[in-house]
Amino acid sequence: MPRAITILTEQFADWETGLFNATARLYYGFDTRFATPQGKPVLSSGGMLVTPQLAIDEIDLDGLDVLLLCGGPGWQSADAPDIQALLLEAQRRQVVLAAICDGTRVLAQAGLLDQVRHTSNSADNLASINTYAGAALYQDVPHAVADQRVITAPGTAPVTFTAAVLAALGIADDELKGYLALHAAEHGRQG
């Protein structure tokens, strides 16, 4: 059974990784779990209270297929967890790393965006990080970008984020494409 862990922080953006976790769990049999700082419940930006299965410090990378970083303002706060060592070890073990919205900032801080094509909420969002050296590979696009088992997306792209993460894990069948097209259909409409 494929394993996915999503890291959440206080005020996480609940819409950003929800589609991935629901699709992976319900349709593809993933073991999906959530981790937070100290394993404490966190409140989403939409007011949803989540009690995680584990603390970030308890994440076991053995057999883990994907580690997701859900965005939200918590990653820019002084209380943001330091997960650089975890991310570097996950990369060394070939775990797919997927970050959306301000989760991309965490990958940038760890130097994991310096050598791969990537995106975020904006180029300025990453340029403000003094350790970031990947500006030449930044893609100014409204959808997810995948390169070398690293997936990044702006917070407005949960559908392409879901598709890119699953594709990195070898899942890209016609049923999934149709399902994701249903979720993306409204974005083709002009309001």
Protein backbone atom coordinates (compact mmCIF):
# COMPACT_ATOMS: atom_id res chain seq x y z
CA MET A 1 0.00 0.00 0.00
CA PRO A 2 1.51 3.38 -0.98
CA ARG A 3 2.15 5.73 1.93
CA ALA A 4 1.70 9.52 2.03
CA ILE A 5 2.24 11.92 4.90
CA THR A 6 1.03 15.52 4.75
CA ILE A 7 2.62 18.05 7.10
CA LEU A 8 0.20 20.66 8.42
CA THR A 9 0.88 23.81 10.41
CA GLU A 10 -1.47 26.17 12.22
CA GLN A 11 -3.75 28.00 9.74
CA PHE A 12 -2.92 25.52 6.95
CA ALA A 13 -4.77 26.07 3.67
CA ASP A 14 -7.23 23.16 3.86
CA TRP A 15 -8.13 23.11 0.14
CA GLU A 16 -4.57 22.65 -1.09
CA THR A 17 -3.86 18.99 -0.27
CA GLY A 18 -7.39 17.75 0.42
CA LEU A 19 -8.00 16.61 -3.15
CA PHE A 20 -4.75 14.65 -3.25
CA ASN A 21 -5.39 12.90 0.06
CA ALA A 22 -9.00 12.03 -0.77
CA THR A 23 -8.14 10.77 -4.27
CA ALA A 24 -5.10 8.79 -3.12
CA ARG A 25 -6.91 7.19 -0.19
CA LEU A 26 -10.31 6.47 -1.69
CA TYR A 27 -9.39 5.54 -5.26
CA TYR A 28 -5.84 4.23 -5.05
CA GLY A 29 -5.68 2.68 -1.56
CA PHE A 30 -2.99 4.92 -0.10
CA ASP A 31 -2.29 5.01 3.60
CA THR A 32 -2.65 8.80 4.11
CA ARG A 33 -1.57 10.35 7.39
CA PHE A 34 -1.09 13.82 8.78
CA ALA A 35 1.73 15.20 10.92
CA THR A 36 1.95 18.47 12.84
CA PRO A 37 4.42 20.14 15.18
CA GLN A 38 4.43 18.08 18.41
CA GLY A 39 1.48 16.08 17.04
CA LYS A 40 -0.91 18.74 18.31
CA PRO A 41 -4.27 19.52 16.66
CA VAL A 42 -4.14 22.43 14.22
CA LEU A 43 -6.85 24.76 12.97
CA SER A 44 -7.04 25.37 9.22
CA SER A 45 -7.52 28.76 7.64
CA GLY A 46 -11.10 27.63 6.95
CA GLY A 47 -11.73 26.73 10.60
CA MET A 48 -11.37 22.93 10.33
CA LEU A 49 -9.76 21.35 13.41
CA VAL A 50 -7.46 18.46 12.51
CA THR A 51 -6.08 15.96 14.98
CA PRO A 52 -3.03 14.38 13.32
CA GLN A 53 -1.87 10.79 13.57
CA LEU A 54 1.68 11.80 14.46
CA ALA A 55 4.18 14.51 15.27
CA ILE A 56 6.60 15.70 12.61
CA ASP A 57 9.45 14.28 14.73
CA GLU A 58 7.81 10.84 14.52
CA ILE A 59 7.80 10.66 10.71
CA ASP A 60 9.40 7.41 9.57
CA LEU A 61 10.73 7.68 6.03
CA ASP A 62 11.08 3.90 5.62
CA GLY A 63 8.60 2.88 2.96
CA LEU A 64 7.22 6.40 2.57
CA ASP A 65 6.27 7.22 -1.02
CA VAL A 66 5.42 10.93 -0.78
CA LEU A 67 5.85 13.73 1.74
CA LEU A 68 3.53 16.69 1.18
CA LEU A 69 3.83 20.19 2.61
CA CYS A 70 0.46 21.92 2.78
CA GLY A 71 0.69 25.69 2.48
CA GLY A 72 -0.54 28.40 4.78
CA PRO A 73 0.84 31.33 6.75
CA GLY A 74 2.29 29.03 9.43
CA TRP A 75 5.37 28.46 7.28
CA GLN A 76 6.25 32.16 7.49
CA SER A 77 5.78 32.46 11.25
CA ALA A 78 8.46 32.32 13.92
CA ASP A 79 6.83 29.08 15.12
CA ALA A 80 7.34 27.26 11.81
CA PRO A 81 8.91 23.85 12.38
CA ASP A 82 12.47 23.30 11.16
CA ILE A 83 12.16 20.27 8.88
CA GLN A 84 15.23 20.80 6.70
CA ALA A 85 16.99 17.63 7.89
CA LEU A 86 13.83 15.58 7.30
CA LEU A 87 13.44 16.96 3.77
CA LEU A 88 17.08 16.35 2.84
CA GLU A 89 16.91 12.78 4.11
CA ALA A 90 13.62 12.21 2.25
CA GLN A 91 15.24 13.45 -0.95
CA ARG A 92 18.24 11.17 -0.40
CA ARG A 93 15.83 8.23 -0.08
CA GLN A 94 13.99 9.19 -3.30
CA VAL A 95 10.74 10.05 -1.50
CA VAL A 96 8.59 12.29 -3.70
CA LEU A 97 8.55 15.79 -2.17
CA ALA A 98 5.46 17.84 -2.93
CA ALA A 99 4.82 21.39 -1.73
CA ILE A 100 2.05 23.84 -2.48
CA CYS A 101 1.70 27.54 -1.70
CA ASP A 102 3.98 28.56 1.18
CA GLY A 103 5.08 24.94 1.54
CA THR A 104 7.33 25.71 -1.43
CA ARG A 105 9.19 28.19 0.76
CA VAL A 106 10.28 25.32 3.01
CA LEU A 107 11.75 23.44 0.05
CA ALA A 108 13.53 26.63 -1.04
CA GLN A 109 14.96 27.18 2.46
CA ALA A 110 16.37 23.65 2.38
CA GLY A 111 18.03 24.27 -1.01
CA LEU A 112 15.80 21.70 -2.70
CA LEU A 113 14.62 24.11 -5.41
CA ASP A 114 18.07 25.28 -6.46
CA GLN A 115 18.51 22.60 -9.16
CA VAL A 116 14.95 21.77 -10.29
CA ARG A 117 12.26 23.56 -12.25
CA HIS A 118 9.65 24.82 -9.79
CA THR A 119 6.90 27.31 -9.07
CA SER A 120 5.23 28.94 -6.06
CA ASN A 121 2.67 31.65 -5.35
CA SER A 122 5.06 34.11 -7.02
CA ALA A 123 8.74 34.57 -7.75
CA ASP A 124 8.87 37.23 -5.03
CA ASN A 125 7.55 34.71 -2.50
CA LEU A 126 10.75 32.70 -2.91
CA ALA A 127 13.15 35.57 -3.66
CA SER A 128 12.69 36.84 -0.10
CA ILE A 129 14.45 33.70 1.23
CA ASN A 130 18.15 34.49 1.65
CA THR A 131 19.28 30.87 1.04
CA TYR A 132 17.26 30.46 -2.19
CA ALA A 133 19.44 30.08 -5.29
CA GLY A 134 16.95 28.67 -7.80
CA ALA A 135 15.52 31.83 -9.39
CA ALA A 136 16.79 30.86 -12.85
CA LEU A 137 14.63 27.69 -12.71
CA TYR A 138 11.47 29.38 -11.46
CA GLN A 139 8.44 28.83 -13.71
CA ASP A 140 5.86 31.63 -13.65
CA VAL A 141 2.84 29.38 -14.32
CA PRO A 142 -0.58 28.89 -12.67
CA HIS A 143 -0.22 25.09 -12.43
CA ALA A 144 1.97 22.52 -10.71
CA VAL A 145 5.52 21.88 -11.89
CA ALA A 146 7.25 18.50 -11.47
CA ASP A 147 10.97 17.90 -11.85
CA GLN A 148 13.18 15.15 -10.42
CA ARG A 149 10.58 13.88 -7.90
CA VAL A 150 9.94 17.42 -6.59
CA ILE A 151 6.47 18.85 -7.19
CA THR A 152 5.59 22.48 -6.50
CA ALA A 153 2.42 24.49 -7.08
CA PRO A 154 0.83 27.82 -6.27
CA GLY A 155 -1.98 27.64 -3.72
CA THR A 156 -4.55 28.07 -6.48
CA ALA A 157 -3.57 24.81 -8.22
CA PRO A 158 -4.74 21.85 -6.09
CA VAL A 159 -5.99 19.92 -9.14
CA THR A 160 -2.75 19.98 -11.15
CA PHE A 161 -0.86 19.47 -7.88
CA THR A 162 -2.82 16.26 -7.27
CA ALA A 163 -2.26 15.10 -10.84
CA ALA A 164 1.49 15.82 -10.73
CA VAL A 165 2.02 14.05 -7.41
CA LEU A 166 0.14 10.96 -8.56
CA ALA A 167 1.99 10.99 -11.90
CA ALA A 168 5.32 11.08 -10.05
CA LEU A 169 4.17 7.89 -8.32
CA GLY A 170 3.27 6.25 -11.63
CA ILE A 171 -0.50 6.86 -11.45
CA ALA A 172 -1.95 8.61 -14.51
CA ASP A 173 -4.79 6.44 -15.83
CA ASP A 174 -7.78 7.62 -17.86
CA GLU A 175 -10.13 7.33 -14.87
CA LEU A 176 -7.92 9.72 -12.88
CA LYS A 177 -7.68 12.14 -15.80
CA GLY A 178 -11.50 12.24 -16.07
CA TYR A 179 -11.93 12.66 -12.33
CA LEU A 180 -9.45 15.53 -12.17
CA ALA A 181 -11.01 17.15 -15.25
CA LEU A 182 -14.31 17.32 -13.33
CA HIS A 183 -12.58 19.22 -10.53
CA ALA A 184 -10.79 21.57 -12.94
CA ALA A 185 -13.77 22.24 -15.24
CA GLU A 186 -14.91 25.42 -13.52
CA HIS A 187 -11.49 27.01 -13.97
CA GLY A 188 -12.08 27.15 -17.72
CA ARG A 189 -15.15 29.33 -17.21
CA GLN A 190 -15.06 33.10 -17.22
CA GLY A 191 -16.93 34.55 -14.24
